[in-house]
Amino acid sequence: MFNLLLSILLWVPPQAQVASKVEWLSATTHDFGDIKRGVPAKVDFRFKNISQDTLLIDNVRASCSCTASDWSEEVVVPGREGVIGIEYDAKREGYFSKKINVFFSGQRKPEKLTIEGYVE
């Protein structure tokens, strides 16, 4: 009896998978390879709105201040494409791997992007 009660109390209903509202047209990880120190490196991540609703990029957050982002504040209508530009400042020598979270309107979990490379 106790086991039955315990299993009922601990049962957590499965959460529905929230489908992404975007399809990434470029890889979500970009390797710059070897780059020169002090010469910023830039990449554009392209996506397509695959939802039935208009889409807006609410925010783009990088894991450090060495990574800057650029995106349009215009609405992306269903079926259209958008671009998020990411720039790494390349001020420190050595290997780097930086995570970027992209927050789209109406989507609770961020989309994840990564840049990496080696600064000489």
N, C-alpha and C. Protein backbone atom coordinates (compact mmCIF):
# COMPACT_ATOMS: atom_id res chain seq x y z
N MET A 1 0.82 -1.20 0.00
CA MET A 1 0.00 0.00 0.00
C MET A 1 0.86 1.26 0.00
N PHE A 2 1.90 1.24 0.85
CA PHE A 2 2.80 2.38 0.92
C PHE A 2 3.48 2.63 -0.42
N ASN A 3 3.92 1.55 -1.07
CA ASN A 3 4.59 1.69 -2.37
C ASN A 3 3.66 2.30 -3.42
N LEU A 4 2.40 1.91 -3.39
CA LEU A 4 1.44 2.46 -4.34
C LEU A 4 1.24 3.95 -4.09
N LEU A 5 1.08 4.32 -2.83
CA LEU A 5 0.91 5.73 -2.48
C LEU A 5 2.16 6.54 -2.86
N LEU A 6 3.32 5.99 -2.59
CA LEU A 6 4.57 6.66 -2.93
C LEU A 6 4.71 6.84 -4.44
N SER A 7 4.38 5.82 -5.20
CA SER A 7 4.50 5.93 -6.66
C SER A 7 3.50 6.94 -7.23
N ILE A 8 2.33 7.06 -6.63
CA ILE A 8 1.36 8.06 -7.08
C ILE A 8 1.86 9.47 -6.77
N LEU A 9 2.44 9.65 -5.58
CA LEU A 9 2.94 10.95 -5.20
C LEU A 9 4.16 11.38 -6.02
N LEU A 10 4.99 10.42 -6.41
CA LEU A 10 6.20 10.74 -7.16
C LEU A 10 5.99 10.77 -8.66
N TRP A 11 4.84 10.34 -9.12
CA TRP A 11 4.58 10.32 -10.55
C TRP A 11 4.48 11.73 -11.07
N VAL A 12 5.27 12.02 -12.07
CA VAL A 12 5.27 13.33 -12.70
C VAL A 12 4.78 13.13 -14.12
N PRO A 13 3.70 13.81 -14.50
CA PRO A 13 3.20 13.62 -15.86
C PRO A 13 4.23 14.08 -16.89
N PRO A 14 4.33 13.36 -18.00
CA PRO A 14 5.29 13.78 -19.02
C PRO A 14 4.90 15.14 -19.59
N GLN A 15 5.91 15.96 -19.80
CA GLN A 15 5.65 17.28 -20.35
C GLN A 15 5.68 17.19 -21.87
N ALA A 16 4.77 17.89 -22.46
CA ALA A 16 4.71 17.90 -23.91
C ALA A 16 5.94 18.60 -24.47
N GLN A 17 6.51 18.02 -25.51
CA GLN A 17 7.64 18.64 -26.17
C GLN A 17 7.16 19.89 -26.89
N VAL A 18 7.78 20.99 -26.61
CA VAL A 18 7.44 22.23 -27.29
C VAL A 18 8.33 22.29 -28.52
N ALA A 19 7.69 22.24 -29.67
CA ALA A 19 8.46 22.25 -30.90
C ALA A 19 9.09 23.62 -31.12
N SER A 20 10.25 23.60 -31.72
CA SER A 20 10.93 24.84 -32.06
C SER A 20 10.14 25.56 -33.13
N LYS A 21 10.17 26.87 -33.07
CA LYS A 21 9.48 27.69 -34.06
C LYS A 21 10.39 28.02 -35.24
N VAL A 22 11.65 27.60 -35.14
CA VAL A 22 12.60 27.90 -36.20
C VAL A 22 13.29 26.64 -36.71
N GLU A 23 13.67 26.72 -37.96
CA GLU A 23 14.53 25.70 -38.56
C GLU A 23 15.84 26.41 -38.88
N TRP A 24 16.94 25.88 -38.37
CA TRP A 24 18.24 26.50 -38.63
C TRP A 24 18.70 26.11 -40.01
N LEU A 25 18.99 27.10 -40.84
CA LEU A 25 19.44 26.87 -42.21
C LEU A 25 20.96 26.75 -42.27
N SER A 26 21.62 27.16 -41.21
CA SER A 26 23.06 26.97 -41.07
C SER A 26 23.28 26.10 -39.84
N ALA A 27 24.46 25.55 -39.72
CA ALA A 27 24.77 24.75 -38.53
C ALA A 27 24.67 25.65 -37.30
N THR A 28 24.30 25.07 -36.16
CA THR A 28 24.17 25.85 -34.94
C THR A 28 25.50 25.96 -34.19
N THR A 29 26.54 25.30 -34.71
CA THR A 29 27.89 25.43 -34.18
C THR A 29 28.80 25.88 -35.32
N HIS A 30 29.61 26.89 -35.04
CA HIS A 30 30.54 27.37 -36.06
C HIS A 30 31.96 27.36 -35.52
N ASP A 31 32.87 26.72 -36.25
CA ASP A 31 34.28 26.68 -35.90
C ASP A 31 35.03 27.66 -36.79
N PHE A 32 35.56 28.71 -36.20
CA PHE A 32 36.33 29.70 -36.95
C PHE A 32 37.71 29.17 -37.37
N GLY A 33 38.14 28.07 -36.73
CA GLY A 33 39.49 27.59 -36.99
C GLY A 33 40.49 28.51 -36.32
N ASP A 34 41.64 28.72 -36.98
CA ASP A 34 42.67 29.62 -36.44
C ASP A 34 42.39 31.04 -36.89
N ILE A 35 42.37 31.97 -35.94
CA ILE A 35 42.18 33.38 -36.26
C ILE A 35 43.28 34.21 -35.61
N LYS A 36 43.55 35.35 -36.18
CA LYS A 36 44.60 36.24 -35.68
C LYS A 36 44.11 37.00 -34.45
N ARG A 37 45.01 37.15 -33.49
CA ARG A 37 44.69 37.90 -32.28
C ARG A 37 44.39 39.36 -32.65
N GLY A 38 43.31 39.90 -32.08
CA GLY A 38 42.94 41.28 -32.30
C GLY A 38 42.12 41.53 -33.56
N VAL A 39 41.88 40.49 -34.35
CA VAL A 39 41.08 40.62 -35.57
C VAL A 39 39.74 39.93 -35.33
N PRO A 40 38.68 40.69 -35.09
CA PRO A 40 37.38 40.08 -34.80
C PRO A 40 36.93 39.12 -35.91
N ALA A 41 36.27 38.06 -35.49
CA ALA A 41 35.74 37.06 -36.42
C ALA A 41 34.22 37.08 -36.34
N LYS A 42 33.57 37.04 -37.49
CA LYS A 42 32.11 37.16 -37.52
C LYS A 42 31.49 36.01 -38.32
N VAL A 43 30.31 35.59 -37.87
CA VAL A 43 29.55 34.57 -38.58
C VAL A 43 28.07 34.93 -38.49
N ASP A 44 27.33 34.58 -39.54
CA ASP A 44 25.88 34.76 -39.55
C ASP A 44 25.21 33.41 -39.42
N PHE A 45 24.28 33.31 -38.47
CA PHE A 45 23.45 32.12 -38.30
C PHE A 45 22.11 32.43 -38.94
N ARG A 46 21.68 31.59 -39.88
CA ARG A 46 20.44 31.81 -40.61
C ARG A 46 19.36 30.84 -40.11
N PHE A 47 18.14 31.36 -40.02
CA PHE A 47 17.01 30.53 -39.59
C PHE A 47 15.78 30.85 -40.42
N LYS A 48 14.81 29.95 -40.36
CA LYS A 48 13.54 30.12 -41.06
C LYS A 48 12.41 29.95 -40.05
N ASN A 49 11.41 30.82 -40.11
CA ASN A 49 10.24 30.72 -39.24
C ASN A 49 9.35 29.61 -39.78
N ILE A 50 9.25 28.50 -39.05
CA ILE A 50 8.43 27.37 -39.50
C ILE A 50 7.11 27.29 -38.72
N SER A 51 6.83 28.30 -37.93
CA SER A 51 5.57 28.31 -37.18
C SER A 51 4.48 28.97 -38.01
N GLN A 52 3.29 28.97 -37.49
CA GLN A 52 2.15 29.62 -38.14
C GLN A 52 1.99 31.07 -37.71
N ASP A 53 2.84 31.50 -36.77
CA ASP A 53 2.75 32.84 -36.21
C ASP A 53 3.96 33.68 -36.61
N THR A 54 3.81 35.00 -36.49
CA THR A 54 4.96 35.86 -36.70
C THR A 54 5.94 35.62 -35.56
N LEU A 55 7.20 35.89 -35.82
CA LEU A 55 8.26 35.57 -34.87
C LEU A 55 9.14 36.80 -34.70
N LEU A 56 9.57 37.01 -33.48
CA LEU A 56 10.43 38.14 -33.16
C LEU A 56 11.55 37.63 -32.27
N ILE A 57 12.76 38.09 -32.52
CA ILE A 57 13.87 37.76 -31.63
C ILE A 57 13.78 38.69 -30.45
N ASP A 58 13.52 38.12 -29.27
CA ASP A 58 13.40 38.93 -28.06
C ASP A 58 14.76 39.34 -27.52
N ASN A 59 15.74 38.41 -27.55
CA ASN A 59 17.04 38.69 -26.98
C ASN A 59 18.04 37.64 -27.46
N VAL A 60 19.30 38.04 -27.49
CA VAL A 60 20.41 37.13 -27.79
C VAL A 60 21.45 37.36 -26.71
N ARG A 61 21.78 36.31 -25.97
CA ARG A 61 22.72 36.43 -24.85
C ARG A 61 23.92 35.52 -25.07
N ALA A 62 25.09 36.11 -25.03
CA ALA A 62 26.33 35.34 -25.15
C ALA A 62 26.88 35.04 -23.77
N SER A 63 27.74 34.02 -23.70
CA SER A 63 28.29 33.59 -22.41
C SER A 63 29.37 34.52 -21.88
N CYS A 64 29.82 35.49 -22.68
CA CYS A 64 30.81 36.45 -22.18
C CYS A 64 30.73 37.74 -22.99
N SER A 65 31.37 38.78 -22.47
CA SER A 65 31.33 40.08 -23.15
C SER A 65 32.25 40.12 -24.38
N CYS A 66 33.02 39.08 -24.59
CA CYS A 66 33.90 39.02 -25.76
C CYS A 66 33.13 38.66 -27.03
N THR A 67 31.86 38.35 -26.88
CA THR A 67 31.02 37.95 -28.00
C THR A 67 29.86 38.92 -28.12
N ALA A 68 29.73 39.53 -29.29
CA ALA A 68 28.65 40.49 -29.55
C ALA A 68 27.67 39.89 -30.56
N SER A 69 26.42 40.34 -30.47
CA SER A 69 25.39 39.84 -31.38
C SER A 69 24.69 40.99 -32.09
N ASP A 70 24.17 40.69 -33.26
CA ASP A 70 23.46 41.67 -34.06
C ASP A 70 22.29 40.96 -34.74
N TRP A 71 21.09 41.52 -34.58
CA TRP A 71 19.92 40.93 -35.21
C TRP A 71 18.90 42.01 -35.50
N SER A 72 18.01 41.69 -36.41
CA SER A 72 16.97 42.64 -36.79
C SER A 72 15.83 42.57 -35.77
N GLU A 73 15.27 43.72 -35.46
CA GLU A 73 14.13 43.76 -34.55
C GLU A 73 12.81 43.68 -35.30
N GLU A 74 12.89 43.40 -36.59
CA GLU A 74 11.68 43.28 -37.40
C GLU A 74 11.07 41.90 -37.24
N VAL A 75 9.77 41.83 -37.40
CA VAL A 75 9.04 40.58 -37.30
C VAL A 75 9.39 39.68 -38.48
N VAL A 76 9.55 38.39 -38.20
CA VAL A 76 9.79 37.40 -39.25
C VAL A 76 8.47 36.65 -39.45
N VAL A 77 7.86 36.83 -40.60
CA VAL A 77 6.57 36.19 -40.88
C VAL A 77 6.78 34.71 -41.20
N PRO A 78 5.73 33.88 -41.06
CA PRO A 78 5.85 32.45 -41.35
C PRO A 78 6.43 32.21 -42.74
N GLY A 79 7.39 31.29 -42.80
CA GLY A 79 8.01 30.92 -44.05
C GLY A 79 9.19 31.79 -44.47
N ARG A 80 9.43 32.89 -43.77
CA ARG A 80 10.52 33.80 -44.12
C ARG A 80 11.77 33.49 -43.29
N GLU A 81 12.88 34.07 -43.71
CA GLU A 81 14.16 33.81 -43.06
C GLU A 81 14.64 35.02 -42.27
N GLY A 82 15.50 34.74 -41.29
CA GLY A 82 16.12 35.78 -40.49
C GLY A 82 17.59 35.45 -40.27
N VAL A 83 18.35 36.42 -39.79
CA VAL A 83 19.78 36.26 -39.58
C VAL A 83 20.17 36.83 -38.23
N ILE A 84 21.06 36.10 -37.55
CA ILE A 84 21.65 36.58 -36.30
C ILE A 84 23.16 36.60 -36.51
N GLY A 85 23.75 37.78 -36.42
CA GLY A 85 25.20 37.92 -36.57
C GLY A 85 25.89 37.82 -35.22
N ILE A 86 26.96 37.05 -35.18
CA ILE A 86 27.74 36.88 -33.95
C ILE A 86 29.19 37.24 -34.27
N GLU A 87 29.79 38.05 -33.39
CA GLU A 87 31.18 38.47 -33.58
C GLU A 87 31.98 38.19 -32.32
N TYR A 88 33.13 37.54 -32.50
CA TYR A 88 34.05 37.26 -31.39
C TYR A 88 35.22 38.23 -31.50
N ASP A 89 35.59 38.89 -30.40
CA ASP A 89 36.60 39.96 -30.45
C ASP A 89 38.05 39.48 -30.62
N ALA A 90 38.35 38.23 -30.34
CA ALA A 90 39.69 37.63 -30.54
C ALA A 90 40.79 38.37 -29.80
N LYS A 91 40.52 38.85 -28.60
CA LYS A 91 41.52 39.59 -27.84
C LYS A 91 42.45 38.69 -27.03
N ARG A 92 42.00 37.48 -26.72
CA ARG A 92 42.82 36.56 -25.92
C ARG A 92 43.30 35.39 -26.77
N GLU A 93 44.57 35.04 -26.58
CA GLU A 93 45.13 33.90 -27.31
C GLU A 93 44.62 32.59 -26.74
N GLY A 94 44.57 31.60 -27.61
CA GLY A 94 44.20 30.26 -27.18
C GLY A 94 42.83 29.84 -27.69
N TYR A 95 42.45 28.65 -27.27
CA TYR A 95 41.18 28.06 -27.70
C TYR A 95 40.02 28.77 -27.01
N PHE A 96 38.91 28.91 -27.73
CA PHE A 96 37.69 29.44 -27.13
C PHE A 96 36.49 28.65 -27.62
N SER A 97 35.49 28.59 -26.78
CA SER A 97 34.19 28.01 -27.11
C SER A 97 33.16 28.82 -26.35
N LYS A 98 32.27 29.48 -27.08
CA LYS A 98 31.29 30.37 -26.48
C LYS A 98 29.88 29.94 -26.84
N LYS A 99 29.02 29.97 -25.85
CA LYS A 99 27.61 29.62 -26.03
C LYS A 99 26.79 30.89 -26.20
N ILE A 100 25.78 30.81 -27.07
CA ILE A 100 24.88 31.93 -27.30
C ILE A 100 23.45 31.40 -27.18
N ASN A 101 22.64 32.05 -26.37
CA ASN A 101 21.22 31.70 -26.24
C ASN A 101 20.39 32.71 -27.01
N VAL A 102 19.51 32.19 -27.86
CA VAL A 102 18.63 33.04 -28.66
C VAL A 102 17.20 32.83 -28.17
N PHE A 103 16.57 33.92 -27.75
CA PHE A 103 15.21 33.88 -27.22
C PHE A 103 14.25 34.43 -28.26
N PHE A 104 13.35 33.56 -28.74
CA PHE A 104 12.33 33.95 -29.71
C PHE A 104 11.00 34.18 -28.98
N SER A 105 10.19 35.07 -29.49
CA SER A 105 8.88 35.34 -28.90
C SER A 105 8.03 34.07 -28.89
N GLY A 106 7.34 33.84 -27.79
CA GLY A 106 6.43 32.71 -27.68
C GLY A 106 7.12 31.36 -27.51
N GLN A 107 8.41 31.35 -27.26
CA GLN A 107 9.14 30.10 -27.08
C GLN A 107 9.90 30.21 -25.76
N ARG A 108 9.56 29.37 -24.80
CA ARG A 108 10.14 29.48 -23.46
C ARG A 108 11.62 29.16 -23.42
N LYS A 109 12.01 28.08 -24.08
CA LYS A 109 13.42 27.67 -24.04
C LYS A 109 14.19 28.36 -25.16
N PRO A 110 15.40 28.79 -24.84
CA PRO A 110 16.19 29.44 -25.88
C PRO A 110 16.75 28.44 -26.88
N GLU A 111 17.00 28.90 -28.07
CA GLU A 111 17.75 28.13 -29.06
C GLU A 111 19.22 28.33 -28.71
N LYS A 112 20.03 27.30 -28.91
CA LYS A 112 21.43 27.36 -28.51
C LYS A 112 22.35 27.37 -29.73
N LEU A 113 23.27 28.32 -29.73
CA LEU A 113 24.29 28.43 -30.76
C LEU A 113 25.65 28.35 -30.09
N THR A 114 26.67 27.95 -30.85
CA THR A 114 28.02 27.86 -30.32
C THR A 114 29.02 28.34 -31.36
N ILE A 115 30.01 29.10 -30.90
CA ILE A 115 31.15 29.44 -31.75
C ILE A 115 32.40 28.94 -31.05
N GLU A 116 33.39 28.56 -31.85
CA GLU A 116 34.65 28.10 -31.29
C GLU A 116 35.78 28.38 -32.26
N GLY A 117 36.99 28.28 -31.78
CA GLY A 117 38.14 28.49 -32.62
C GLY A 117 39.40 28.63 -31.78
N TYR A 118 40.47 29.05 -32.44
CA TYR A 118 41.75 29.21 -31.76
C TYR A 118 42.35 30.54 -32.19
N VAL A 119 42.68 31.37 -31.21
CA VAL A 119 43.28 32.68 -31.48
C VAL A 119 44.80 32.55 -31.38
N GLU A 120 45.48 32.96 -32.47
CA GLU A 120 46.95 32.88 -32.51
C GLU A 120 47.57 34.20 -32.12
